[in-house]
Amino acid sequence: MPYRLNWKMQASALAATALVSLTGAGLVEAAERLRISLDTNPSHVRNEGVELFVEALRERVGDEMVIEVYPSAQLYRDRDVGRALRQGSVEMAVPGTWVLDGMVPAMALTSLPAFYGVPQEVTLDLIDGELGEAINAQAEERMRVKVLGPWMSLGMSHYYSTSRPLNSHDDLAGMRIRISGGTSNAKRVEDMGGVPNLIAWPDVPLALSTDVVDAVSSTHESIASAQLWDAGLRFAFEDDQWFGQYVPMVSQRFWDDLSPHLQEAMTQAWVEVIEETRRLADEAQLEAREKVAASGITIVTATEEQLAAARTKLMSSQDGLASSIGIDQDLVDMALEELEERGYGD
C-alpha cells in the first residue's frame, strides 16, 4: 500500500511537471520573434541606438516578444534588406535612405544638390515635418512596411582618400570613390570629376587595402568605427555633402500580426529613445572626428566660398537628376520652398 501511494504521488508529480513544461513551451512558442537586421558593426552609433530601442521595448513587452539584433550583415546587407522587409523575410531593419531610392525614389530627396551644405538641423526640421510624412507614406505603400517613427541620425558625409591630399573639390577629379548607394550620391561624385563605386560597407576595408577604390564618401563616425585608417585612409575633406539618416522599418506582414498592445509598445519605445539616439549620433561624430585626426588623417574643412561654388555647380543638374530618379515634383517643390523659407534657396 505505501508503495502504491508513493507510485501515485510520483506519477502525479511527473504529470504536473510535464504540464508546466508544456505550458512554458507554449508561452515561448507564442512569443513574437523580432529580428532586427543591421549591416554595421556593434560599435557603430546606429547599432548603439537600436540597442536603446531594444532595451526600452523589452521593458514594455517582457516575454511577449523575443528580440534579436543581428549586426555586421549577419542577416542582410542594407542594400538587400528593403526587399527582405517587403517579402517578410525579416521583421525589422533601420536602413539608410541612400539604399532605398530604388524602391522609394523620394528617399533620395535630402541628398539632392539643394541640400548640399545645408546644416543638419534644417534637414531634421523638414524630415520631422510634412515633408517626412509624405516620404514615409510612399515608403509604407511601396515597400509594404510600417515606418516606426522619426528617422535616426547618422551625420554629415565627407570625402576621405588614401594617397592624394584633399584640399578642394578639384582634387576629387579622376578618383575612384566608394559610395554607399543612391543615384544622387553617385551623380555628386561624377559632377566633381570622380568615379563612383557602389560597395557595401562590410567590404570597404578590403576595397581600400587592395586599391579597388582610393577614396570614400562617408561620415567621421563610420570611418572611426571601422578604423579605416588601417585600410589606408590618410586625408579628409569636410564638405558637408548631405546629412545621412536611417529609417526604422517594420515588415507590414509582421506588423499586421501583432496585437495592438505590441504595436503600441514598439512605437512608444521608438519615440522614447529617438532624441537620445540623435544626441548620441552628434556626440559620436564629434568624438570620431578627434579619433580620425589622432589617427594621422589630415582633415581640411571646406570654406563657405568653396561650398557655395560647389552647390551652384551641382544645382545645374538638379532638375534632371530628380526626374531621372523619379522623385515626385510636388515633393521637390515642397522641399525647395521650405529650404528657401529657412534661407537656403537658390
C-alpha atoms as a PDB file:
ATOM      1  CA  MET A   1       0.000   0.000   0.000  1.00  0.00           C
ATOM      2  CA  PRO A   2       2.667   2.527   0.873  1.00  0.00           C
ATOM      3  CA  TYR A   3       4.443   1.594  -2.367  1.00  0.00           C
ATOM      4  CA  ARG A   4       1.314   2.223  -4.389  1.00  0.00           C
ATOM      5  CA  LEU A   5       0.754   5.568  -2.695  1.00  0.00           C
ATOM      6  CA  ASN A   6       4.323   6.591  -3.427  1.00  0.00           C
ATOM      7  CA  TRP A   7       3.960   5.490  -7.039  1.00  0.00           C
ATOM      8  CA  LYS A   8       0.760   7.502  -7.470  1.00  0.00           C
ATOM      9  CA  MET A   9       2.320  10.530  -5.858  1.00  0.00           C
ATOM     10  CA  GLN A  10       5.336  10.267  -8.172  1.00  0.00           C
ATOM     11  CA  ALA A  11       3.077   9.909 -11.211  1.00  0.00           C
ATOM     12  CA  SER A  12       1.083  12.986 -10.184  1.00  0.00           C
ATOM     13  CA  ALA A  13       4.266  14.974  -9.680  1.00  0.00           C
ATOM     14  CA  LEU A  14       5.576  13.942 -13.097  1.00  0.00           C
ATOM     15  CA  ALA A  15       2.293  14.885 -14.748  1.00  0.00           C
ATOM     16  CA  ALA A  16       2.338  18.286 -13.060  1.00  0.00           C
ATOM     17  CA  THR A  17       5.925  18.869 -14.164  1.00  0.00           C
ATOM     18  CA  ALA A  18       5.069  17.891 -17.728  1.00  0.00           C
ATOM     19  CA  LEU A  19       2.105  20.278 -17.727  1.00  0.00           C
ATOM     20  CA  VAL A  20       4.261  23.151 -16.523  1.00  0.00           C
ATOM     21  CA  SER A  21       6.887  22.339 -19.162  1.00  0.00           C
ATOM     22  CA  LEU A  22       4.319  22.212 -21.935  1.00  0.00           C
ATOM     23  CA  THR A  23       2.750  25.449 -20.764  1.00  0.00           C
ATOM     24  CA  GLY A  24       6.161  27.150 -20.667  1.00  0.00           C
ATOM     25  CA  ALA A  25       6.994  25.829 -24.123  1.00  0.00           C
ATOM     26  CA  GLY A  26       3.696  27.173 -25.348  1.00  0.00           C
ATOM     27  CA  LEU A  27       4.466  30.605 -23.960  1.00  0.00           C
ATOM     28  CA  VAL A  28       7.872  30.656 -25.649  1.00  0.00           C
ATOM     29  CA  GLU A  29       6.363  29.439 -28.893  1.00  0.00           C
ATOM     30  CA  ALA A  30       3.617  32.067 -28.707  1.00  0.00           C
ATOM     31  CA  ALA A  31       6.074  34.931 -28.160  1.00  0.00           C
ATOM     32  CA  GLU A  32       6.586  37.129 -31.208  1.00  0.00           C
ATOM     33  CA  ARG A  33      10.076  36.904 -32.658  1.00  0.00           C
ATOM     34  CA  LEU A  34      11.538  40.253 -33.690  1.00  0.00           C
ATOM     35  CA  ARG A  35      14.781  40.046 -35.643  1.00  0.00           C
ATOM     36  CA  ILE A  36      16.485  43.358 -36.411  1.00  0.00           C
ATOM     37  CA  SER A  37      18.964  43.389 -39.299  1.00  0.00           C
ATOM     38  CA  LEU A  38      21.884  45.851 -39.350  1.00  0.00           C
ATOM     39  CA  ASP A  39      24.974  45.752 -41.548  1.00  0.00           C
ATOM     40  CA  THR A  40      27.161  47.984 -39.383  1.00  0.00           C
ATOM     41  CA  ASN A  41      29.300  46.619 -36.558  1.00  0.00           C
ATOM     42  CA  PRO A  42      28.203  46.638 -32.881  1.00  0.00           C
ATOM     43  CA  SER A  43      30.273  49.718 -32.037  1.00  0.00           C
ATOM     44  CA  HIS A  44      28.560  51.839 -34.699  1.00  0.00           C
ATOM     45  CA  VAL A  45      26.225  54.566 -33.464  1.00  0.00           C
ATOM     46  CA  ARG A  46      23.259  53.070 -35.342  1.00  0.00           C
ATOM     47  CA  ASN A  47      23.710  49.782 -33.507  1.00  0.00           C
ATOM     48  CA  GLU A  48      24.010  51.587 -30.183  1.00  0.00           C
ATOM     49  CA  GLY A  49      20.809  53.488 -30.888  1.00  0.00           C
ATOM     50  CA  VAL A  50      18.954  50.319 -31.822  1.00  0.00           C
ATOM     51  CA  GLU A  51      20.105  48.690 -28.587  1.00  0.00           C
ATOM     52  CA  LEU A  52      18.492  51.580 -26.685  1.00  0.00           C
ATOM     53  CA  PHE A  53      15.252  50.855 -28.531  1.00  0.00           C
ATOM     54  CA  VAL A  54      15.508  47.151 -27.744  1.00  0.00           C
ATOM     55  CA  GLU A  55      16.017  47.883 -24.040  1.00  0.00           C
ATOM     56  CA  ALA A  56      13.002  50.219 -23.962  1.00  0.00           C
ATOM     57  CA  LEU A  57      10.878  47.687 -25.856  1.00  0.00           C
ATOM     58  CA  ARG A  58      11.813  44.796 -23.563  1.00  0.00           C
ATOM     59  CA  GLU A  59      10.713  46.824 -20.579  1.00  0.00           C
ATOM     60  CA  ARG A  60       7.286  47.153 -22.185  1.00  0.00           C
ATOM     61  CA  VAL A  61       6.729  43.660 -23.576  1.00  0.00           C
ATOM     62  CA  GLY A  62       8.604  41.347 -21.216  1.00  0.00           C
ATOM     63  CA  ASP A  63       8.463  37.779 -22.521  1.00  0.00           C
ATOM     64  CA  GLU A  64       5.762  38.575 -25.068  1.00  0.00           C
ATOM     65  CA  MET A  65       8.456  39.225 -27.647  1.00  0.00           C
ATOM     66  CA  VAL A  66      11.826  37.609 -28.343  1.00  0.00           C
ATOM     67  CA  ILE A  67      14.076  40.389 -29.701  1.00  0.00           C
ATOM     68  CA  GLU A  68      17.298  39.602 -31.539  1.00  0.00           C
ATOM     69  CA  VAL A  69      19.704  42.097 -33.107  1.00  0.00           C
ATOM     70  CA  TYR A  70      21.885  40.834 -35.967  1.00  0.00           C
ATOM     71  CA  PRO A  71      24.781  43.255 -36.686  1.00  0.00           C
ATOM     72  CA  SER A  72      27.506  43.210 -39.335  1.00  0.00           C
ATOM     73  CA  ALA A  73      25.216  41.959 -42.130  1.00  0.00           C
ATOM     74  CA  GLN A  74      24.678  38.599 -40.436  1.00  0.00           C
ATOM     75  CA  LEU A  75      21.211  38.532 -41.995  1.00  0.00           C
ATOM     76  CA  TYR A  76      21.225  41.093 -44.813  1.00  0.00           C
ATOM     77  CA  ARG A  77      23.305  43.885 -46.220  1.00  0.00           C
ATOM     78  CA  ASP A  78      21.408  47.158 -46.183  1.00  0.00           C
ATOM     79  CA  ARG A  79      21.201  47.194 -49.972  1.00  0.00           C
ATOM     80  CA  ASP A  80      19.194  43.932 -49.797  1.00  0.00           C
ATOM     81  CA  VAL A  81      17.175  44.469 -46.637  1.00  0.00           C
ATOM     82  CA  GLY A  82      14.427  46.559 -48.265  1.00  0.00           C
ATOM     83  CA  ARG A  83      13.383  43.608 -50.409  1.00  0.00           C
ATOM     84  CA  ALA A  84      13.607  41.305 -47.377  1.00  0.00           C
ATOM     85  CA  LEU A  85      11.270  43.586 -45.425  1.00  0.00           C
ATOM     86  CA  ARG A  86       8.806  43.689 -48.288  1.00  0.00           C
ATOM     87  CA  GLN A  87       8.798  39.902 -48.566  1.00  0.00           C
ATOM     88  CA  GLY A  88       8.533  39.451 -44.804  1.00  0.00           C
ATOM     89  CA  SER A  89      11.866  37.613 -44.645  1.00  0.00           C
ATOM     90  CA  VAL A  90      12.976  39.775 -41.715  1.00  0.00           C
ATOM     91  CA  GLU A  91      10.875  41.630 -39.187  1.00  0.00           C
ATOM     92  CA  MET A  92      12.736  44.935 -38.790  1.00  0.00           C
ATOM     93  CA  ALA A  93      15.653  46.923 -40.150  1.00  0.00           C
ATOM     94  CA  VAL A  94      16.901  50.518 -39.968  1.00  0.00           C
ATOM     95  CA  PRO A  95      18.430  51.113 -43.404  1.00  0.00           C
ATOM     96  CA  GLY A  96      19.919  54.367 -44.627  1.00  0.00           C
ATOM     97  CA  THR A  97      17.879  56.428 -47.053  1.00  0.00           C
ATOM     98  CA  TRP A  98      20.636  56.025 -49.661  1.00  0.00           C
ATOM     99  CA  VAL A  99      19.893  52.320 -50.210  1.00  0.00           C
ATOM    100  CA  LEU A 100      16.143  52.832 -50.554  1.00  0.00           C
ATOM    101  CA  ASP A 101      15.721  55.177 -53.501  1.00  0.00           C
ATOM    102  CA  GLY A 102      15.472  52.266 -55.933  1.00  0.00           C
ATOM    103  CA  MET A 103      12.209  51.255 -54.244  1.00  0.00           C
ATOM    104  CA  VAL A 104      11.149  54.688 -52.975  1.00  0.00           C
ATOM    105  CA  PRO A 105      12.674  57.480 -55.104  1.00  0.00           C
ATOM    106  CA  ALA A 106      11.626  60.134 -52.557  1.00  0.00           C
ATOM    107  CA  MET A 107      14.190  58.707 -50.133  1.00  0.00           C
ATOM    108  CA  ALA A 108      16.847  60.442 -52.231  1.00  0.00           C
ATOM    109  CA  LEU A 109      15.339  63.860 -51.632  1.00  0.00           C
ATOM    110  CA  THR A 110      17.755  65.070 -48.932  1.00  0.00           C
ATOM    111  CA  SER A 111      20.764  64.027 -50.983  1.00  0.00           C
ATOM    112  CA  LEU A 112      19.780  66.264 -53.904  1.00  0.00           C
ATOM    113  CA  PRO A 113      22.026  69.291 -54.665  1.00  0.00           C
ATOM    114  CA  ALA A 114      19.520  71.596 -52.925  1.00  0.00           C
ATOM    115  CA  PHE A 115      20.572  70.054 -49.602  1.00  0.00           C
ATOM    116  CA  TYR A 116      24.322  70.298 -50.250  1.00  0.00           C
ATOM    117  CA  GLY A 117      25.965  72.068 -47.315  1.00  0.00           C
ATOM    118  CA  VAL A 118      22.628  72.589 -45.527  1.00  0.00           C
ATOM    119  CA  PRO A 119      23.015  72.241 -41.709  1.00  0.00           C
ATOM    120  CA  GLN A 120      21.640  69.054 -40.232  1.00  0.00           C
ATOM    121  CA  GLU A 121      19.211  70.977 -38.022  1.00  0.00           C
ATOM    122  CA  VAL A 122      17.433  72.235 -41.136  1.00  0.00           C
ATOM    123  CA  THR A 123      17.219  68.762 -42.656  1.00  0.00           C
ATOM    124  CA  LEU A 124      15.873  67.337 -39.402  1.00  0.00           C
ATOM    125  CA  ASP A 125      13.258  70.067 -39.237  1.00  0.00           C
ATOM    126  CA  LEU A 126      11.995  69.232 -42.716  1.00  0.00           C
ATOM    127  CA  ILE A 127      12.050  65.454 -42.316  1.00  0.00           C
ATOM    128  CA  ASP A 128      10.297  65.616 -38.939  1.00  0.00           C
ATOM    129  CA  GLY A 129       7.502  67.628 -40.569  1.00  0.00           C
ATOM    130  CA  GLU A 130       5.129  67.313 -43.528  1.00  0.00           C
ATOM    131  CA  LEU A 131       7.907  66.508 -45.976  1.00  0.00           C
ATOM    132  CA  GLY A 132       8.977  63.486 -43.952  1.00  0.00           C
ATOM    133  CA  GLU A 133       5.383  62.349 -43.519  1.00  0.00           C
ATOM    134  CA  ALA A 134       4.898  62.365 -47.286  1.00  0.00           C
ATOM    135  CA  ILE A 135       8.069  60.333 -47.837  1.00  0.00           C
ATOM    136  CA  ASN A 136       7.063  57.831 -45.141  1.00  0.00           C
ATOM    137  CA  ALA A 137       3.647  57.370 -46.739  1.00  0.00           C
ATOM    138  CA  GLN A 138       5.270  56.456 -50.045  1.00  0.00           C
ATOM    139  CA  ALA A 139       7.672  54.078 -48.332  1.00  0.00           C
ATOM    140  CA  GLU A 140       4.888  52.285 -46.488  1.00  0.00           C
ATOM    141  CA  GLU A 141       2.877  51.830 -49.674  1.00  0.00           C
ATOM    142  CA  ARG A 142       5.698  50.748 -51.981  1.00  0.00           C
ATOM    143  CA  MET A 143       7.739  48.639 -49.558  1.00  0.00           C
ATOM    144  CA  ARG A 144       4.854  47.188 -47.523  1.00  0.00           C
ATOM    145  CA  VAL A 145       6.397  48.366 -44.273  1.00  0.00           C
ATOM    146  CA  LYS A 146       5.455  50.346 -41.202  1.00  0.00           C
ATOM    147  CA  VAL A 147       7.747  53.321 -40.570  1.00  0.00           C
ATOM    148  CA  LEU A 148       8.021  53.135 -36.822  1.00  0.00           C
ATOM    149  CA  GLY A 149       8.696  56.806 -36.121  1.00  0.00           C
ATOM    150  CA  PRO A 150      11.220  59.649 -36.632  1.00  0.00           C
ATOM    151  CA  TRP A 151      14.389  58.809 -38.501  1.00  0.00           C
ATOM    152  CA  MET A 152      17.684  58.158 -36.722  1.00  0.00           C
ATOM    153  CA  SER A 153      20.649  60.421 -37.389  1.00  0.00           C
ATOM    154  CA  LEU A 154      23.988  59.345 -38.782  1.00  0.00           C
ATOM    155  CA  GLY A 155      25.692  62.590 -39.672  1.00  0.00           C
ATOM    156  CA  MET A 156      27.275  64.624 -42.429  1.00  0.00           C
ATOM    157  CA  SER A 157      29.173  62.838 -45.175  1.00  0.00           C
ATOM    158  CA  HIS A 158      32.626  63.958 -46.319  1.00  0.00           C
ATOM    159  CA  TYR A 159      35.405  62.668 -48.563  1.00  0.00           C
ATOM    160  CA  TYR A 160      38.400  60.601 -47.410  1.00  0.00           C
ATOM    161  CA  SER A 161      41.323  59.430 -49.550  1.00  0.00           C
ATOM    162  CA  THR A 162      44.281  57.105 -49.295  1.00  0.00           C
ATOM    163  CA  SER A 163      47.161  58.747 -51.143  1.00  0.00           C
ATOM    164  CA  ARG A 164      46.006  62.049 -52.633  1.00  0.00           C
ATOM    165  CA  PRO A 165      45.751  65.107 -50.337  1.00  0.00           C
ATOM    166  CA  LEU A 166      42.307  66.698 -50.424  1.00  0.00           C
ATOM    167  CA  ASN A 167      42.355  70.487 -50.251  1.00  0.00           C
ATOM    168  CA  SER A 168      39.478  71.329 -52.597  1.00  0.00           C
ATOM    169  CA  HIS A 169      36.827  69.746 -54.768  1.00  0.00           C
ATOM    170  CA  ASP A 170      39.250  69.849 -57.702  1.00  0.00           C
ATOM    171  CA  ASP A 171      41.345  67.174 -56.006  1.00  0.00           C
ATOM    172  CA  LEU A 172      38.499  64.665 -56.449  1.00  0.00           C
ATOM    173  CA  ALA A 173      38.945  64.569 -60.223  1.00  0.00           C
ATOM    174  CA  GLY A 174      39.694  61.087 -61.505  1.00  0.00           C
ATOM    175  CA  MET A 175      39.444  59.438 -58.089  1.00  0.00           C
ATOM    176  CA  ARG A 176      37.586  56.136 -57.658  1.00  0.00           C
ATOM    177  CA  ILE A 177      35.279  56.977 -54.783  1.00  0.00           C
ATOM    178  CA  ARG A 178      33.272  54.474 -52.809  1.00  0.00           C
ATOM    179  CA  ILE A 179      29.660  55.452 -52.215  1.00  0.00           C
ATOM    180  CA  SER A 180      27.087  53.696 -50.044  1.00  0.00           C
ATOM    181  CA  GLY A 181      24.388  53.886 -52.699  1.00  0.00           C
ATOM    182  CA  GLY A 182      21.893  56.363 -54.058  1.00  0.00           C
ATOM    183  CA  THR A 183      21.676  57.819 -57.557  1.00  0.00           C
ATOM    184  CA  SER A 184      22.210  61.372 -56.344  1.00  0.00           C
ATOM    185  CA  ASN A 185      25.299  60.369 -54.360  1.00  0.00           C
ATOM    186  CA  ALA A 186      26.772  58.812 -57.493  1.00  0.00           C
ATOM    187  CA  LYS A 187      25.869  61.904 -59.541  1.00  0.00           C
ATOM    188  CA  ARG A 188      27.520  64.197 -56.979  1.00  0.00           C
ATOM    189  CA  VAL A 189      30.788  62.285 -57.327  1.00  0.00           C
ATOM    190  CA  GLU A 190      30.550  62.371 -61.127  1.00  0.00           C
ATOM    191  CA  ASP A 191      29.879  66.121 -61.161  1.00  0.00           C
ATOM    192  CA  MET A 192      33.035  66.583 -59.094  1.00  0.00           C
ATOM    193  CA  GLY A 193      35.027  64.595 -61.646  1.00  0.00           C
ATOM    194  CA  GLY A 194      35.271  61.389 -59.654  1.00  0.00           C
ATOM    195  CA  VAL A 195      34.247  57.821 -60.464  1.00  0.00           C
ATOM    196  CA  PRO A 196      31.586  56.442 -58.096  1.00  0.00           C
ATOM    197  CA  ASN A 197      31.848  52.848 -56.904  1.00  0.00           C
ATOM    198  CA  LEU A 198      28.965  51.213 -55.028  1.00  0.00           C
ATOM    199  CA  ILE A 199      30.461  48.994 -52.336  1.00  0.00           C
ATOM    200  CA  ALA A 200      28.656  47.543 -49.312  1.00  0.00           C
ATOM    201  CA  TRP A 201      30.050  48.783 -46.012  1.00  0.00           C
ATOM    202  CA  PRO A 202      31.431  45.424 -44.780  1.00  0.00           C
ATOM    203  CA  ASP A 203      33.546  45.228 -47.966  1.00  0.00           C
ATOM    204  CA  VAL A 204      35.061  48.719 -47.751  1.00  0.00           C
ATOM    205  CA  PRO A 205      38.263  47.854 -45.808  1.00  0.00           C
ATOM    206  CA  LEU A 206      39.264  45.255 -48.392  1.00  0.00           C
ATOM    207  CA  ALA A 207      38.368  47.559 -51.275  1.00  0.00           C
ATOM    208  CA  LEU A 208      40.649  50.260 -49.847  1.00  0.00           C
ATOM    209  CA  SER A 209      43.545  47.991 -48.938  1.00  0.00           C
ATOM    210  CA  THR A 210      43.525  46.346 -52.384  1.00  0.00           C
ATOM    211  CA  ASP A 211      43.201  49.653 -54.294  1.00  0.00           C
ATOM    212  CA  VAL A 212      39.790  48.863 -55.741  1.00  0.00           C
ATOM    213  CA  VAL A 213      38.951  52.422 -54.660  1.00  0.00           C
ATOM    214  CA  ASP A 214      41.206  55.209 -53.475  1.00  0.00           C
ATOM    215  CA  ALA A 215      38.616  57.326 -51.689  1.00  0.00           C
ATOM    216  CA  VAL A 216      35.425  57.025 -49.658  1.00  0.00           C
ATOM    217  CA  SER A 217      32.349  59.198 -49.168  1.00  0.00           C
ATOM    218  CA  SER A 218      31.209  58.620 -45.590  1.00  0.00           C
ATOM    219  CA  THR A 219      30.993  60.120 -42.103  1.00  0.00           C
ATOM    220  CA  HIS A 220      33.625  60.541 -39.412  1.00  0.00           C
ATOM    221  CA  GLU A 221      31.772  58.087 -37.179  1.00  0.00           C
ATOM    222  CA  SER A 222      31.623  55.375 -39.806  1.00  0.00           C
ATOM    223  CA  ILE A 223      35.298  55.857 -40.635  1.00  0.00           C
ATOM    224  CA  ALA A 224      36.287  55.692 -36.971  1.00  0.00           C
ATOM    225  CA  SER A 225      34.081  52.757 -36.002  1.00  0.00           C
ATOM    226  CA  ALA A 226      35.700  50.692 -38.769  1.00  0.00           C
ATOM    227  CA  GLN A 227      39.178  52.186 -38.140  1.00  0.00           C
ATOM    228  CA  LEU A 228      39.634  52.686 -41.859  1.00  0.00           C
ATOM    229  CA  TRP A 229      42.984  54.388 -41.374  1.00  0.00           C
ATOM    230  CA  ASP A 230      44.235  50.805 -41.001  1.00  0.00           C
ATOM    231  CA  ALA A 231      42.987  50.241 -44.563  1.00  0.00           C
ATOM    232  CA  GLY A 232      44.986  53.208 -45.838  1.00  0.00           C
ATOM    233  CA  LEU A 233      42.953  56.397 -45.426  1.00  0.00           C
ATOM    234  CA  ARG A 234      45.223  59.410 -44.906  1.00  0.00           C
ATOM    235  CA  PHE A 235      43.300  62.545 -45.931  1.00  0.00           C
ATOM    236  CA  ALA A 236      39.826  64.020 -45.358  1.00  0.00           C
ATOM    237  CA  PHE A 237      37.900  66.883 -46.928  1.00  0.00           C
ATOM    238  CA  GLU A 238      34.946  68.096 -44.832  1.00  0.00           C
ATOM    239  CA  ASP A 239      32.322  69.450 -47.198  1.00  0.00           C
ATOM    240  CA  ASP A 240      29.012  68.544 -45.522  1.00  0.00           C
ATOM    241  CA  GLN A 241      27.748  66.845 -48.688  1.00  0.00           C
ATOM    242  CA  TRP A 242      24.481  65.737 -47.158  1.00  0.00           C
ATOM    243  CA  PHE A 243      23.017  64.599 -43.851  1.00  0.00           C
ATOM    244  CA  GLY A 244      22.637  60.830 -43.583  1.00  0.00           C
ATOM    245  CA  GLN A 245      19.662  59.327 -41.759  1.00  0.00           C
ATOM    246  CA  TYR A 246      18.329  55.852 -41.007  1.00  0.00           C
ATOM    247  CA  VAL A 247      14.664  54.878 -41.369  1.00  0.00           C
ATOM    248  CA  PRO A 248      13.109  52.493 -38.787  1.00  0.00           C
ATOM    249  CA  MET A 249      11.077  49.986 -40.806  1.00  0.00           C
ATOM    250  CA  VAL A 250       8.971  47.021 -39.738  1.00  0.00           C
ATOM    251  CA  SER A 251       7.689  44.453 -42.220  1.00  0.00           C
ATOM    252  CA  GLN A 252       3.966  45.031 -42.781  1.00  0.00           C
ATOM    253  CA  ARG A 253       3.370  41.292 -42.681  1.00  0.00           C
ATOM    254  CA  PHE A 254       4.892  41.110 -39.202  1.00  0.00           C
ATOM    255  CA  TRP A 255       3.224  44.349 -38.080  1.00  0.00           C
ATOM    256  CA  ASP A 256      -0.259  43.168 -39.067  1.00  0.00           C
ATOM    257  CA  ASP A 257       0.160  40.002 -36.996  1.00  0.00           C
ATOM    258  CA  LEU A 258       0.996  41.956 -33.842  1.00  0.00           C
ATOM    259  CA  SER A 259      -1.610  42.766 -31.240  1.00  0.00           C
ATOM    260  CA  PRO A 260      -2.492  46.466 -30.817  1.00  0.00           C
ATOM    261  CA  HIS A 261      -0.686  46.299 -27.470  1.00  0.00           C
ATOM    262  CA  LEU A 262       2.600  45.189 -29.064  1.00  0.00           C
ATOM    263  CA  GLN A 263       2.246  47.686 -31.912  1.00  0.00           C
ATOM    264  CA  GLU A 264       1.818  50.485 -29.412  1.00  0.00           C
ATOM    265  CA  ALA A 265       4.767  49.204 -27.374  1.00  0.00           C
ATOM    266  CA  MET A 266       7.045  49.328 -30.416  1.00  0.00           C
ATOM    267  CA  THR A 267       6.035  52.835 -31.476  1.00  0.00           C
ATOM    268  CA  GLN A 268       6.261  54.185 -27.925  1.00  0.00           C
ATOM    269  CA  ALA A 269       9.671  52.591 -27.353  1.00  0.00           C
ATOM    270  CA  TRP A 270      10.999  54.169 -30.551  1.00  0.00           C
ATOM    271  CA  VAL A 271       9.652  57.620 -29.741  1.00  0.00           C
ATOM    272  CA  GLU A 272      11.064  57.345 -26.216  1.00  0.00           C
ATOM    273  CA  VAL A 273      14.646  56.852 -27.415  1.00  0.00           C
ATOM    274  CA  ILE A 274      14.836  58.766 -30.702  1.00  0.00           C
ATOM    275  CA  GLU A 275      16.122  62.031 -29.228  1.00  0.00           C
ATOM    276  CA  GLU A 276      18.751  60.150 -27.257  1.00  0.00           C
ATOM    277  CA  THR A 277      19.880  58.287 -30.378  1.00  0.00           C
ATOM    278  CA  ARG A 278      20.256  61.601 -32.184  1.00  0.00           C
ATOM    279  CA  ARG A 279      22.219  63.072 -29.306  1.00  0.00           C
ATOM    280  CA  LEU A 280      24.481  60.013 -29.336  1.00  0.00           C
ATOM    281  CA  ALA A 281      24.973  60.438 -33.078  1.00  0.00           C
ATOM    282  CA  ASP A 282      26.043  64.057 -32.635  1.00  0.00           C
ATOM    283  CA  GLU A 283      28.468  63.109 -29.878  1.00  0.00           C
ATOM    284  CA  ALA A 284      29.765  60.172 -31.876  1.00  0.00           C
ATOM    285  CA  GLN A 285      30.575  62.389 -34.853  1.00  0.00           C
ATOM    286  CA  LEU A 286      32.490  64.850 -32.679  1.00  0.00           C
ATOM    287  CA  GLU A 287      34.412  62.097 -30.903  1.00  0.00           C
ATOM    288  CA  ALA A 288      35.029  60.314 -34.192  1.00  0.00           C
ATOM    289  CA  ARG A 289      36.493  63.450 -35.748  1.00  0.00           C
ATOM    290  CA  GLU A 290      39.001  63.573 -32.913  1.00  0.00           C
ATOM    291  CA  LYS A 291      39.858  59.909 -33.471  1.00  0.00           C
ATOM    292  CA  VAL A 292      40.227  60.452 -37.209  1.00  0.00           C
ATOM    293  CA  ALA A 293      42.626  63.338 -36.599  1.00  0.00           C
ATOM    294  CA  ALA A 294      44.523  61.423 -33.918  1.00  0.00           C
ATOM    295  CA  SER A 295      44.964  58.502 -36.302  1.00  0.00           C
ATOM    296  CA  GLY A 296      47.083  60.689 -38.566  1.00  0.00           C
ATOM    297  CA  ILE A 297      44.439  61.556 -41.146  1.00  0.00           C
ATOM    298  CA  THR A 298      44.850  65.169 -42.293  1.00  0.00           C
ATOM    299  CA  ILE A 299      41.495  66.993 -42.205  1.00  0.00           C
ATOM    300  CA  VAL A 300      40.807  70.021 -44.388  1.00  0.00           C
ATOM    301  CA  THR A 301      37.486  71.848 -43.916  1.00  0.00           C
ATOM    302  CA  ALA A 302      35.860  73.422 -46.969  1.00  0.00           C
ATOM    303  CA  THR A 303      35.386  77.181 -46.813  1.00  0.00           C
ATOM    304  CA  GLU A 304      31.979  78.816 -47.225  1.00  0.00           C
ATOM    305  CA  GLU A 305      33.121  80.040 -50.641  1.00  0.00           C
ATOM    306  CA  GLN A 306      34.077  76.529 -51.711  1.00  0.00           C
ATOM    307  CA  LEU A 307      30.733  75.154 -50.527  1.00  0.00           C
ATOM    308  CA  ALA A 308      28.776  77.868 -52.302  1.00  0.00           C
ATOM    309  CA  ALA A 309      30.652  77.310 -55.557  1.00  0.00           C
ATOM    310  CA  ALA A 310      30.156  73.547 -55.336  1.00  0.00           C
ATOM    311  CA  ARG A 311      26.454  73.906 -54.599  1.00  0.00           C
ATOM    312  CA  THR A 312      25.965  76.218 -57.577  1.00  0.00           C
ATOM    313  CA  LYS A 313      27.744  73.718 -59.803  1.00  0.00           C
ATOM    314  CA  LEU A 314      25.674  70.796 -58.524  1.00  0.00           C
ATOM    315  CA  MET A 315      22.353  72.648 -58.755  1.00  0.00           C
ATOM    316  CA  SER A 316      22.683  72.850 -62.531  1.00  0.00           C
ATOM    317  CA  SER A 317      21.839  69.159 -62.710  1.00  0.00           C
ATOM    318  CA  GLN A 318      19.148  69.013 -60.016  1.00  0.00           C
ATOM    319  CA  ASP A 319      16.020  69.085 -62.211  1.00  0.00           C
ATOM    320  CA  GLY A 320      17.272  66.337 -64.491  1.00  0.00           C
ATOM    321  CA  LEU A 321      18.555  64.327 -61.542  1.00  0.00           C
ATOM    322  CA  ALA A 322      15.301  64.454 -59.591  1.00  0.00           C
ATOM    323  CA  SER A 323      13.373  63.499 -62.715  1.00  0.00           C
ATOM    324  CA  SER A 324      15.680  60.582 -63.550  1.00  0.00           C
ATOM    325  CA  ILE A 325      15.389  59.221 -60.006  1.00  0.00           C
ATOM    326  CA  GLY A 326      11.615  59.534 -60.161  1.00  0.00           C
ATOM    327  CA  ILE A 327      11.028  61.882 -57.243  1.00  0.00           C
ATOM    328  CA  ASP A 328       7.596  63.472 -57.392  1.00  0.00           C
ATOM    329  CA  GLN A 329       7.919  67.104 -58.467  1.00  0.00           C
ATOM    330  CA  ASP A 330       5.453  68.107 -55.746  1.00  0.00           C
ATOM    331  CA  LEU A 331       7.880  66.813 -53.113  1.00  0.00           C
ATOM    332  CA  VAL A 332      10.815  68.576 -54.754  1.00  0.00           C
ATOM    333  CA  ASP A 333       8.856  71.831 -54.845  1.00  0.00           C
ATOM    334  CA  MET A 334       7.844  71.409 -51.192  1.00  0.00           C
ATOM    335  CA  ALA A 335      11.468  70.869 -50.181  1.00  0.00           C
ATOM    336  CA  LEU A 336      12.718  73.851 -52.183  1.00  0.00           C
ATOM    337  CA  GLU A 337      10.059  76.106 -50.698  1.00  0.00           C
ATOM    338  CA  GLU A 338      10.832  75.055 -47.144  1.00  0.00           C
ATOM    339  CA  LEU A 339      14.585  75.413 -47.713  1.00  0.00           C
ATOM    340  CA  GLU A 340      14.056  78.909 -49.102  1.00  0.00           C
ATOM    341  CA  GLU A 341      11.984  79.852 -46.050  1.00  0.00           C
ATOM    342  CA  ARG A 342      14.994  78.880 -43.930  1.00  0.00           C
ATOM    343  CA  GLY A 343      17.454  80.855 -46.002  1.00  0.00           C
ATOM    344  CA  TYR A 344      18.763  78.101 -48.268  1.00  0.00           C
ATOM    345  CA  GLY A 345      17.149  78.965 -51.592  1.00  0.00           C
ATOM    346  CA  ASP A 346      18.940  79.252 -54.910  1.00  0.00           C
END
